[in-house]
Each structure stands twice: as structure tokens, then as C-alpha cells.
PDB file of all heavy atoms in Angstrom:
ATOM      1  N   TYR A   1       0.835  -1.204   0.000  1.00  0.00           N
ATOM      2  CA  TYR A   1       0.000   0.000   0.000  1.00  0.00           C
ATOM      3  C   TYR A   1       0.871   1.256   0.000  1.00  0.00           C
ATOM      4  O   TYR A   1       0.650   2.177  -0.780  1.00  0.00           O
ATOM      5  CB  TYR A   1      -0.918  -0.051   1.216  1.00  0.00           C
ATOM      6  CG  TYR A   1      -1.655   1.221   1.546  1.00  0.00           C
ATOM      7  CD1 TYR A   1      -2.720   1.637   0.762  1.00  0.00           C
ATOM      8  CD2 TYR A   1      -1.308   1.980   2.652  1.00  0.00           C
ATOM      9  CE1 TYR A   1      -3.417   2.795   1.069  1.00  0.00           C
ATOM     10  CE2 TYR A   1      -2.008   3.132   2.969  1.00  0.00           C
ATOM     11  CZ  TYR A   1      -3.052   3.535   2.179  1.00  0.00           C
ATOM     12  OH  TYR A   1      -3.740   4.677   2.485  1.00  0.00           O
ATOM     13  N   LEU A   2       1.870   1.282   0.850  1.00  0.00           N
ATOM     14  CA  LEU A   2       2.723   2.465   0.969  1.00  0.00           C
ATOM     15  C   LEU A   2       3.607   2.673  -0.259  1.00  0.00           C
ATOM     16  O   LEU A   2       4.025   3.797  -0.531  1.00  0.00           O
ATOM     17  CB  LEU A   2       3.573   2.373   2.232  1.00  0.00           C
ATOM     18  CG  LEU A   2       2.794   2.438   3.543  1.00  0.00           C
ATOM     19  CD1 LEU A   2       3.714   2.171   4.727  1.00  0.00           C
ATOM     20  CD2 LEU A   2       2.070   3.759   3.685  1.00  0.00           C
ATOM     21  N   GLN A   3       3.888   1.607  -1.010  1.00  0.00           N
ATOM     22  CA  GLN A   3       4.715   1.722  -2.197  1.00  0.00           C
ATOM     23  C   GLN A   3       3.885   1.936  -3.462  1.00  0.00           C
ATOM     24  O   GLN A   3       4.442   2.102  -4.535  1.00  0.00           O
ATOM     25  CB  GLN A   3       5.568   0.459  -2.367  1.00  0.00           C
ATOM     26  CG  GLN A   3       6.609   0.310  -1.291  1.00  0.00           C
ATOM     27  CD  GLN A   3       7.403  -0.978  -1.421  1.00  0.00           C
ATOM     28  OE1 GLN A   3       7.254  -1.730  -2.373  1.00  0.00           O
ATOM     29  NE2 GLN A   3       8.245  -1.238  -0.439  1.00  0.00           N
ATOM     30  N   SER A   4       2.580   1.963  -3.322  1.00  0.00           N
ATOM     31  CA  SER A   4       1.716   2.111  -4.494  1.00  0.00           C
ATOM     32  C   SER A   4       1.674   3.563  -4.966  1.00  0.00           C
ATOM     33  O   SER A   4       2.317   4.446  -4.414  1.00  0.00           O
ATOM     34  CB  SER A   4       0.306   1.613  -4.179  1.00  0.00           C
ATOM     35  OG  SER A   4      -0.314   2.457  -3.232  1.00  0.00           O
ATOM     36  N   ASP A   5       0.897   3.788  -5.972  1.00  0.00           N
ATOM     37  CA  ASP A   5       0.689   5.115  -6.549  1.00  0.00           C
ATOM     38  C   ASP A   5       0.267   6.102  -5.452  1.00  0.00           C
ATOM     39  O   ASP A   5      -0.670   5.836  -4.714  1.00  0.00           O
ATOM     40  CB  ASP A   5      -0.393   4.990  -7.624  1.00  0.00           C
ATOM     41  CG  ASP A   5      -0.759   6.301  -8.273  1.00  0.00           C
ATOM     42  OD1 ASP A   5      -0.009   7.278  -8.125  1.00  0.00           O
ATOM     43  OD2 ASP A   5      -1.808   6.341  -8.931  1.00  0.00           O
ATOM     44  N   PRO A   6       0.940   7.241  -5.327  1.00  0.00           N
ATOM     45  CA  PRO A   6       0.594   8.213  -4.278  1.00  0.00           C
ATOM     46  C   PRO A   6      -0.874   8.636  -4.302  1.00  0.00           C
ATOM     47  O   PRO A   6      -1.467   8.876  -3.252  1.00  0.00           O
ATOM     48  CB  PRO A   6       1.515   9.399  -4.556  1.00  0.00           C
ATOM     49  CG  PRO A   6       2.659   8.829  -5.316  1.00  0.00           C
ATOM     50  CD  PRO A   6       2.087   7.678  -6.115  1.00  0.00           C
ATOM     51  N   ASP A   7      -1.468   8.727  -5.481  1.00  0.00           N
ATOM     52  CA  ASP A   7      -2.885   9.087  -5.550  1.00  0.00           C
ATOM     53  C   ASP A   7      -3.747   8.009  -4.920  1.00  0.00           C
ATOM     54  O   ASP A   7      -4.750   8.297  -4.270  1.00  0.00           O
ATOM     55  CB  ASP A   7      -3.314   9.326  -7.000  1.00  0.00           C
ATOM     56  CG  ASP A   7      -2.661  10.563  -7.598  1.00  0.00           C
ATOM     57  OD1 ASP A   7      -2.299  11.476  -6.824  1.00  0.00           O
ATOM     58  OD2 ASP A   7      -2.493  10.593  -8.831  1.00  0.00           O
ATOM     59  N   ALA A   8      -3.358   6.750  -5.108  1.00  0.00           N
ATOM     60  CA  ALA A   8      -4.117   5.643  -4.522  1.00  0.00           C
ATOM     61  C   ALA A   8      -3.974   5.653  -3.004  1.00  0.00           C
ATOM     62  O   ALA A   8      -4.935   5.397  -2.287  1.00  0.00           O
ATOM     63  CB  ALA A   8      -3.654   4.312  -5.098  1.00  0.00           C
ATOM     64  N   VAL A   9      -2.786   5.951  -2.515  1.00  0.00           N
ATOM     65  CA  VAL A   9      -2.559   5.981  -1.072  1.00  0.00           C
ATOM     66  C   VAL A   9      -3.432   7.055  -0.429  1.00  0.00           C
ATOM     67  O   VAL A   9      -4.024   6.848   0.623  1.00  0.00           O
ATOM     68  CB  VAL A   9      -1.068   6.214  -0.749  1.00  0.00           C
ATOM     69  CG1 VAL A   9      -0.869   6.488   0.731  1.00  0.00           C
ATOM     70  CG2 VAL A   9      -0.240   5.007  -1.190  1.00  0.00           C
ATOM     71  N   ASP A  10      -3.547   8.203  -1.077  1.00  0.00           N
ATOM     72  CA  ASP A  10      -4.343   9.283  -0.510  1.00  0.00           C
ATOM     73  C   ASP A  10      -5.843   8.979  -0.517  1.00  0.00           C
ATOM     74  O   ASP A  10      -6.580   9.509   0.297  1.00  0.00           O
ATOM     75  CB  ASP A  10      -4.093  10.582  -1.281  1.00  0.00           C
ATOM     76  CG  ASP A  10      -2.700  11.140  -1.021  1.00  0.00           C
ATOM     77  OD1 ASP A  10      -2.078  10.757  -0.007  1.00  0.00           O
ATOM     78  OD2 ASP A  10      -2.237  11.947  -1.843  1.00  0.00           O
ATOM     79  N   SER A  11      -6.297   8.146  -1.432  1.00  0.00           N
ATOM     80  CA  SER A  11      -7.737   7.907  -1.562  1.00  0.00           C
ATOM     81  C   SER A  11      -8.176   6.536  -1.074  1.00  0.00           C
ATOM     82  O   SER A  11      -9.341   6.189  -1.184  1.00  0.00           O
ATOM     83  CB  SER A  11      -8.158   8.080  -3.029  1.00  0.00           C
ATOM     84  OG  SER A  11      -7.527   7.090  -3.832  1.00  0.00           O
ATOM     85  N   THR A  12      -7.261   5.750  -0.531  1.00  0.00           N
ATOM     86  CA  THR A  12      -7.575   4.394  -0.094  1.00  0.00           C
ATOM     87  C   THR A  12      -7.522   4.318   1.421  1.00  0.00           C
ATOM     88  O   THR A  12      -6.601   4.825   2.037  1.00  0.00           O
ATOM     89  CB  THR A  12      -6.569   3.389  -0.699  1.00  0.00           C
ATOM     90  OG1 THR A  12      -6.615   3.487  -2.110  1.00  0.00           O
ATOM     91  CG2 THR A  12      -6.894   1.972  -0.290  1.00  0.00           C
ATOM     92  N   GLU A  13      -8.502   3.642   1.974  1.00  0.00           N
ATOM     93  CA  GLU A  13      -8.529   3.425   3.421  1.00  0.00           C
ATOM     94  C   GLU A  13      -8.433   1.936   3.682  1.00  0.00           C
ATOM     95  O   GLU A  13      -9.127   1.141   3.050  1.00  0.00           O
ATOM     96  CB  GLU A  13      -9.829   3.959   4.019  1.00  0.00           C
ATOM     97  CG  GLU A  13      -9.923   3.758   5.501  1.00  0.00           C
ATOM     98  CD  GLU A  13     -11.232   4.265   6.084  1.00  0.00           C
ATOM     99  OE1 GLU A  13     -11.877   5.112   5.456  1.00  0.00           O
ATOM    100  OE2 GLU A  13     -11.604   3.790   7.160  1.00  0.00           O
ATOM    101  N   ILE A  14      -7.557   1.557   4.573  1.00  0.00           N
ATOM    102  CA  ILE A  14      -7.409   0.160   4.984  1.00  0.00           C
ATOM    103  C   ILE A  14      -7.869   0.054   6.420  1.00  0.00           C
ATOM    104  O   ILE A  14      -7.461   0.828   7.279  1.00  0.00           O
ATOM    105  CB  ILE A  14      -5.945  -0.302   4.860  1.00  0.00           C
ATOM    106  CG1 ILE A  14      -5.496  -0.251   3.407  1.00  0.00           C
ATOM    107  CG2 ILE A  14      -5.783  -1.705   5.439  1.00  0.00           C
ATOM    108  CD1 ILE A  14      -4.039  -0.589   3.208  1.00  0.00           C
ATOM    109  N   GLN A  15      -8.725  -0.920   6.666  1.00  0.00           N
ATOM    110  CA  GLN A  15      -9.211  -1.188   8.010  1.00  0.00           C
ATOM    111  C   GLN A  15      -8.711  -2.567   8.406  1.00  0.00           C
ATOM    112  O   GLN A  15      -8.950  -3.541   7.697  1.00  0.00           O
ATOM    113  CB  GLN A  15     -10.738  -1.151   8.028  1.00  0.00           C
ATOM    114  CG  GLN A  15     -11.342  -1.397   9.370  1.00  0.00           C
ATOM    115  CD  GLN A  15     -12.871  -1.341   9.311  1.00  0.00           C
ATOM    116  OE1 GLN A  15     -13.473  -1.213   8.265  1.00  0.00           O
ATOM    117  NE2 GLN A  15     -13.490  -1.441  10.456  1.00  0.00           N
ATOM    118  N   ILE A  16      -7.996  -2.674   9.513  1.00  0.00           N
ATOM    119  CA  ILE A  16      -7.457  -3.944   9.977  1.00  0.00           C
ATOM    120  C   ILE A  16      -8.244  -4.381  11.201  1.00  0.00           C
ATOM    121  O   ILE A  16      -8.377  -3.637  12.171  1.00  0.00           O
ATOM    122  CB  ILE A  16      -5.955  -3.821  10.314  1.00  0.00           C
ATOM    123  CG1 ILE A  16      -5.184  -3.418   9.058  1.00  0.00           C
ATOM    124  CG2 ILE A  16      -5.431  -5.119  10.907  1.00  0.00           C
ATOM    125  CD1 ILE A  16      -3.751  -3.066   9.297  1.00  0.00           C
ATOM    126  N   ILE A  17      -8.764  -5.612  11.115  1.00  0.00           N
ATOM    127  CA  ILE A  17      -9.537  -6.179  12.217  1.00  0.00           C
ATOM    128  C   ILE A  17      -8.886  -7.497  12.611  1.00  0.00           C
ATOM    129  O   ILE A  17      -8.724  -8.382  11.765  1.00  0.00           O
ATOM    130  CB  ILE A  17     -10.998  -6.427  11.797  1.00  0.00           C
ATOM    131  CG1 ILE A  17     -11.645  -5.103  11.400  1.00  0.00           C
ATOM    132  CG2 ILE A  17     -11.774  -7.110  12.919  1.00  0.00           C
ATOM    133  CD1 ILE A  17     -12.997  -5.256  10.740  1.00  0.00           C
ATOM    134  N   ASP A  18      -8.529  -7.648  13.859  1.00  0.00           N
ATOM    135  CA  ASP A  18      -7.958  -8.900  14.354  1.00  0.00           C
ATOM    136  C   ASP A  18      -9.111  -9.850  14.656  1.00  0.00           C
ATOM    137  O   ASP A  18      -9.849  -9.657  15.612  1.00  0.00           O
ATOM    138  CB  ASP A  18      -7.125  -8.640  15.607  1.00  0.00           C
ATOM    139  CG  ASP A  18      -6.455  -9.891  16.146  1.00  0.00           C
ATOM    140  OD1 ASP A  18      -6.697 -10.995  15.609  1.00  0.00           O
ATOM    141  OD2 ASP A  18      -5.692  -9.774  17.116  1.00  0.00           O
ATOM    142  N   ALA A  19      -9.273 -10.861  13.812  1.00  0.00           N
ATOM    143  CA  ALA A  19     -10.372 -11.809  13.968  1.00  0.00           C
ATOM    144  C   ALA A  19      -9.912 -13.095  14.633  1.00  0.00           C
ATOM    145  O   ALA A  19     -10.604 -14.110  14.571  1.00  0.00           O
ATOM    146  CB  ALA A  19     -11.001 -12.109  12.608  1.00  0.00           C
ATOM    147  N   SER A  20      -8.745 -13.074  15.251  1.00  0.00           N
ATOM    148  CA  SER A  20      -8.270 -14.270  15.949  1.00  0.00           C
ATOM    149  C   SER A  20      -8.913 -14.351  17.323  1.00  0.00           C
ATOM    150  O   SER A  20      -9.578 -13.427  17.770  1.00  0.00           O
ATOM    151  CB  SER A  20      -6.751 -14.227  16.076  1.00  0.00           C
ATOM    152  OG  SER A  20      -6.348 -13.109  16.833  1.00  0.00           O
ATOM    153  N   GLY A  21      -8.734 -15.457  17.970  1.00  0.00           N
ATOM    154  CA  GLY A  21      -9.216 -15.594  19.335  1.00  0.00           C
ATOM    155  C   GLY A  21     -10.694 -15.881  19.455  1.00  0.00           C
ATOM    156  O   GLY A  21     -11.351 -15.373  20.362  1.00  0.00           O
ATOM    157  N   GLY A  22     -11.251 -16.672  18.544  1.00  0.00           N
ATOM    158  CA  GLY A  22     -12.636 -17.099  18.676  1.00  0.00           C
ATOM    159  C   GLY A  22     -13.672 -16.132  18.153  1.00  0.00           C
ATOM    160  O   GLY A  22     -14.827 -16.201  18.528  1.00  0.00           O
ATOM    161  N   THR A  23     -13.285 -15.217  17.301  1.00  0.00           N
ATOM    162  CA  THR A  23     -14.228 -14.273  16.714  1.00  0.00           C
ATOM    163  C   THR A  23     -15.286 -15.026  15.906  1.00  0.00           C
ATOM    164  O   THR A  23     -14.960 -15.955  15.167  1.00  0.00           O
ATOM    165  CB  THR A  23     -13.484 -13.284  15.788  1.00  0.00           C
ATOM    166  OG1 THR A  23     -12.544 -12.561  16.562  1.00  0.00           O
ATOM    167  CG2 THR A  23     -14.443 -12.327  15.105  1.00  0.00           C
ATOM    168  N   ASP A  24     -16.539 -14.640  16.046  1.00  0.00           N
ATOM    169  CA  ASP A  24     -17.621 -15.202  15.240  1.00  0.00           C
ATOM    170  C   ASP A  24     -17.522 -14.589  13.850  1.00  0.00           C
ATOM    171  O   ASP A  24     -17.939 -13.461  13.619  1.00  0.00           O
ATOM    172  CB  ASP A  24     -18.972 -14.887  15.884  1.00  0.00           C
ATOM    173  CG  ASP A  24     -20.155 -15.425  15.104  1.00  0.00           C
ATOM    174  OD1 ASP A  24     -19.987 -15.882  13.950  1.00  0.00           O
ATOM    175  OD2 ASP A  24     -21.271 -15.382  15.649  1.00  0.00           O
ATOM    176  N   ILE A  25     -16.926 -15.342  12.923  1.00  0.00           N
ATOM    177  CA  ILE A  25     -16.640 -14.803  11.601  1.00  0.00           C
ATOM    178  C   ILE A  25     -17.913 -14.477  10.835  1.00  0.00           C
ATOM    179  O   ILE A  25     -17.955 -13.514  10.072  1.00  0.00           O
ATOM    180  CB  ILE A  25     -15.703 -15.748  10.809  1.00  0.00           C
ATOM    181  CG1 ILE A  25     -15.019 -15.007   9.663  1.00  0.00           C
ATOM    182  CG2 ILE A  25     -16.435 -16.969  10.323  1.00  0.00           C
ATOM    183  CD1 ILE A  25     -14.057 -13.950  10.075  1.00  0.00           C
ATOM    184  N   ALA A  26     -18.977 -15.242  11.036  1.00  0.00           N
ATOM    185  CA  ALA A  26     -20.241 -14.956  10.343  1.00  0.00           C
ATOM    186  C   ALA A  26     -20.805 -13.612  10.794  1.00  0.00           C
ATOM    187  O   ALA A  26     -21.248 -12.809   9.964  1.00  0.00           O
ATOM    188  CB  ALA A  26     -21.243 -16.074  10.580  1.00  0.00           C
ATOM    189  N   ALA A  27     -20.772 -13.339  12.084  1.00  0.00           N
ATOM    190  CA  ALA A  27     -21.267 -12.057  12.601  1.00  0.00           C
ATOM    191  C   ALA A  27     -20.368 -10.913  12.133  1.00  0.00           C
ATOM    192  O   ALA A  27     -20.868  -9.845  11.749  1.00  0.00           O
ATOM    193  CB  ALA A  27     -21.333 -12.095  14.123  1.00  0.00           C
ATOM    194  N   LEU A  28     -19.065 -11.120  12.147  1.00  0.00           N
ATOM    195  CA  LEU A  28     -18.142 -10.088  11.691  1.00  0.00           C
ATOM    196  C   LEU A  28     -18.365  -9.801  10.212  1.00  0.00           C
ATOM    197  O   LEU A  28     -18.447  -8.642   9.804  1.00  0.00           O
ATOM    198  CB  LEU A  28     -16.690 -10.510  11.935  1.00  0.00           C
ATOM    199  CG  LEU A  28     -15.608  -9.566  11.414  1.00  0.00           C
ATOM    200  CD1 LEU A  28     -15.750  -8.170  12.000  1.00  0.00           C
ATOM    201  CD2 LEU A  28     -14.227 -10.144  11.697  1.00  0.00           C
ATOM    202  N   TYR A  29     -18.505 -10.843   9.401  1.00  0.00           N
ATOM    203  CA  TYR A  29     -18.714 -10.662   7.967  1.00  0.00           C
ATOM    204  C   TYR A  29     -20.016  -9.918   7.713  1.00  0.00           C
ATOM    205  O   TYR A  29     -20.076  -9.016   6.872  1.00  0.00           O
ATOM    206  CB  TYR A  29     -18.705 -12.018   7.260  1.00  0.00           C
ATOM    207  CG  TYR A  29     -18.579 -11.919   5.764  1.00  0.00           C
ATOM    208  CD1 TYR A  29     -17.339 -11.721   5.168  1.00  0.00           C
ATOM    209  CD2 TYR A  29     -19.686 -12.027   4.935  1.00  0.00           C
ATOM    210  CE1 TYR A  29     -17.208 -11.622   3.793  1.00  0.00           C
ATOM    211  CE2 TYR A  29     -19.557 -11.922   3.561  1.00  0.00           C
ATOM    212  CZ  TYR A  29     -18.328 -11.727   2.998  1.00  0.00           C
ATOM    213  OH  TYR A  29     -18.205 -11.626   1.637  1.00  0.00           O
ATOM    214  N   ALA A  30     -21.058 -10.255   8.465  1.00  0.00           N
ATOM    215  CA  ALA A  30     -22.347  -9.563   8.316  1.00  0.00           C
ATOM    216  C   ALA A  30     -22.197  -8.082   8.659  1.00  0.00           C
ATOM    217  O   ALA A  30     -22.746  -7.216   7.960  1.00  0.00           O
ATOM    218  CB  ALA A  30     -23.403 -10.218   9.193  1.00  0.00           C
ATOM    219  N   SER A  31     -21.446  -7.769   9.711  1.00  0.00           N
ATOM    220  CA  SER A  31     -21.277  -6.359  10.088  1.00  0.00           C
ATOM    221  C   SER A  31     -20.447  -5.619   9.038  1.00  0.00           C
ATOM    222  O   SER A  31     -20.681  -4.439   8.783  1.00  0.00           O
ATOM    223  CB  SER A  31     -20.646  -6.234  11.467  1.00  0.00           C
ATOM    224  OG  SER A  31     -19.296  -6.620  11.460  1.00  0.00           O
ATOM    225  N   LEU A  32     -19.510  -6.303   8.415  1.00  0.00           N
ATOM    226  CA  LEU A  32     -18.697  -5.661   7.379  1.00  0.00           C
ATOM    227  C   LEU A  32     -19.526  -5.355   6.136  1.00  0.00           C
ATOM    228  O   LEU A  32     -19.209  -4.421   5.394  1.00  0.00           O
ATOM    229  CB  LEU A  32     -17.496  -6.539   7.013  1.00  0.00           C
ATOM    230  CG  LEU A  32     -16.439  -6.692   8.103  1.00  0.00           C
ATOM    231  CD1 LEU A  32     -15.388  -7.713   7.681  1.00  0.00           C
ATOM    232  CD2 LEU A  32     -15.799  -5.361   8.438  1.00  0.00           C
ATOM    233  N   GLN A  33     -20.588  -6.106   5.901  1.00  0.00           N
ATOM    234  CA  GLN A  33     -21.446  -5.865   4.744  1.00  0.00           C
ATOM    235  C   GLN A  33     -22.190  -4.535   4.851  1.00  0.00           C
ATOM    236  O   GLN A  33     -22.698  -4.024   3.854  1.00  0.00           O
ATOM    237  CB  GLN A  33     -22.455  -7.004   4.564  1.00  0.00           C
ATOM    238  CG  GLN A  33     -21.824  -8.351   4.274  1.00  0.00           C
ATOM    239  CD  GLN A  33     -20.791  -8.296   3.167  1.00  0.00           C
ATOM    240  OE1 GLN A  33     -21.082  -7.862   2.060  1.00  0.00           O
ATOM    241  NE2 GLN A  33     -19.582  -8.720   3.465  1.00  0.00           N
ATOM    242  N   LEU A  34     -22.245  -3.971   6.040  1.00  0.00           N
ATOM    243  CA  LEU A  34     -22.906  -2.685   6.244  1.00  0.00           C
ATOM    244  C   LEU A  34     -22.009  -1.508   5.868  1.00  0.00           C
ATOM    245  O   LEU A  34     -22.456  -0.364   5.874  1.00  0.00           O
ATOM    246  CB  LEU A  34     -23.349  -2.556   7.712  1.00  0.00           C
ATOM    247  CG  LEU A  34     -24.285  -3.660   8.209  1.00  0.00           C
ATOM    248  CD1 LEU A  34     -24.529  -3.501   9.707  1.00  0.00           C
ATOM    249  CD2 LEU A  34     -25.582  -3.672   7.430  1.00  0.00           C
ATOM    250  N   GLN A  35     -20.762  -1.808   5.539  1.00  0.00           N
ATOM    251  CA  GLN A  35     -19.789  -0.771   5.176  1.00  0.00           C
ATOM    252  C   GLN A  35     -19.521  -0.822   3.674  1.00  0.00           C
ATOM    253  O   GLN A  35     -19.604  -1.892   3.071  1.00  0.00           O
ATOM    254  CB  GLN A  35     -18.481  -0.988   5.934  1.00  0.00           C
ATOM    255  CG  GLN A  35     -18.634  -0.956   7.441  1.00  0.00           C
ATOM    256  CD  GLN A  35     -17.312  -1.212   8.124  1.00  0.00           C
ATOM    257  OE1 GLN A  35     -16.269  -0.765   7.673  1.00  0.00           O
ATOM    258  NE2 GLN A  35     -17.352  -1.941   9.229  1.00  0.00           N
ATOM    259  N   PRO A  36     -19.182   0.308   3.073  1.00  0.00           N
ATOM    260  CA  PRO A  36     -18.874   0.325   1.635  1.00  0.00           C
ATOM    261  C   PRO A  36     -17.443  -0.155   1.369  1.00  0.00           C
ATOM    262  O   PRO A  36     -16.530   0.631   1.153  1.00  0.00           O
ATOM    263  CB  PRO A  36     -19.056   1.795   1.258  1.00  0.00           C
ATOM    264  CG  PRO A  36     -18.697   2.532   2.511  1.00  0.00           C
ATOM    265  CD  PRO A  36     -19.172   1.657   3.652  1.00  0.00           C
ATOM    266  N   LEU A  37     -17.238  -1.465   1.400  1.00  0.00           N
ATOM    267  CA  LEU A  37     -15.906  -2.041   1.209  1.00  0.00           C
ATOM    268  C   LEU A  37     -15.729  -2.534  -0.217  1.00  0.00           C
ATOM    269  O   LEU A  37     -16.660  -3.026  -0.835  1.00  0.00           O
ATOM    270  CB  LEU A  37     -15.706  -3.221   2.174  1.00  0.00           C
ATOM    271  CG  LEU A  37     -15.893  -2.906   3.659  1.00  0.00           C
ATOM    272  CD1 LEU A  37     -15.779  -4.185   4.473  1.00  0.00           C
ATOM    273  CD2 LEU A  37     -14.875  -1.888   4.115  1.00  0.00           C
ATOM    274  N   ASP A  38     -14.498  -2.433  -0.715  1.00  0.00           N
ATOM    275  CA  ASP A  38     -14.174  -2.957  -2.043  1.00  0.00           C
ATOM    276  C   ASP A  38     -13.776  -4.423  -1.978  1.00  0.00           C
ATOM    277  O   ASP A  38     -14.053  -5.186  -2.898  1.00  0.00           O
ATOM    278  CB  ASP A  38     -13.031  -2.158  -2.674  1.00  0.00           C
ATOM    279  CG  ASP A  38     -13.428  -0.729  -2.974  1.00  0.00           C
ATOM    280  OD1 ASP A  38     -14.580  -0.508  -3.403  1.00  0.00           O
ATOM    281  OD2 ASP A  38     -12.594   0.169  -2.777  1.00  0.00           O
ATOM    282  N   ILE A  39     -13.098  -4.820  -0.910  1.00  0.00           N
ATOM    283  CA  ILE A  39     -12.623  -6.192  -0.770  1.00  0.00           C
ATOM    284  C   ILE A  39     -12.400  -6.500   0.707  1.00  0.00           C
ATOM    285  O   ILE A  39     -12.090  -5.605   1.496  1.00  0.00           O
ATOM    286  CB  ILE A  39     -11.314  -6.424  -1.573  1.00  0.00           C
ATOM    287  CG1 ILE A  39     -10.939  -7.902  -1.585  1.00  0.00           C
ATOM    288  CG2 ILE A  39     -10.195  -5.551  -1.067  1.00  0.00           C
ATOM    289  CD1 ILE A  39      -9.824  -8.251  -2.555  1.00  0.00           C
ATOM    290  N   ILE A  40     -12.577  -7.766   1.041  1.00  0.00           N
ATOM    291  CA  ILE A  40     -12.259  -8.260   2.382  1.00  0.00           C
ATOM    292  C   ILE A  40     -11.141  -9.278   2.212  1.00  0.00           C
ATOM    293  O   ILE A  40     -11.232 -10.170   1.368  1.00  0.00           O
ATOM    294  CB  ILE A  40     -13.490  -8.916   3.044  1.00  0.00           C
ATOM    295  CG1 ILE A  40     -14.590  -7.871   3.260  1.00  0.00           C
ATOM    296  CG2 ILE A  40     -13.097  -9.606   4.355  1.00  0.00           C
ATOM    297  CD1 ILE A  40     -15.907  -8.446   3.727  1.00  0.00           C
ATOM    298  N   VAL A  41     -10.080  -9.143   3.002  1.00  0.00           N
ATOM    299  CA  VAL A  41      -8.964 -10.081   2.966  1.00  0.00           C
ATOM    300  C   VAL A  41      -8.940 -10.812   4.300  1.00  0.00           C
ATOM    301  O   VAL A  41      -8.808 -10.203   5.349  1.00  0.00           O
ATOM    302  CB  VAL A  41      -7.623  -9.359   2.720  1.00  0.00           C
ATOM    303  CG1 VAL A  41      -6.480 -10.360   2.711  1.00  0.00           C
ATOM    304  CG2 VAL A  41      -7.671  -8.573   1.419  1.00  0.00           C
ATOM    305  N   GLY A  42      -9.102 -12.111   4.247  1.00  0.00           N
ATOM    306  CA  GLY A  42      -9.135 -12.927   5.452  1.00  0.00           C
ATOM    307  C   GLY A  42     -10.455 -13.671   5.520  1.00  0.00           C
ATOM    308  O   GLY A  42     -11.308 -13.483   4.651  1.00  0.00           O
TER     309      GLY A  42
END
């Protein structure tokens, strides 16, 4: 991300969520659907 096109860095937001430790992935995925995301990694 930091080495990418400077215009992309200025207009891109990355959200990091630690889903380890017994996180209910179905509930987390459902909550992420309420946000305008381009992609989910993990």
C-alpha cells in the first residue's frame, strides 16, 4: 500500500480487524457488509 501510486494511497482506506481468538466470523462478515468495502482479505 505504501509503495503504491501516491494518488491511490491518498484515496484508499485500509481497516485492519484482528479476527483471531474465537471471533464469530459470520457475525463479523455480516457487520462488514454494512460498510462500503471494495474487498475483504481474510
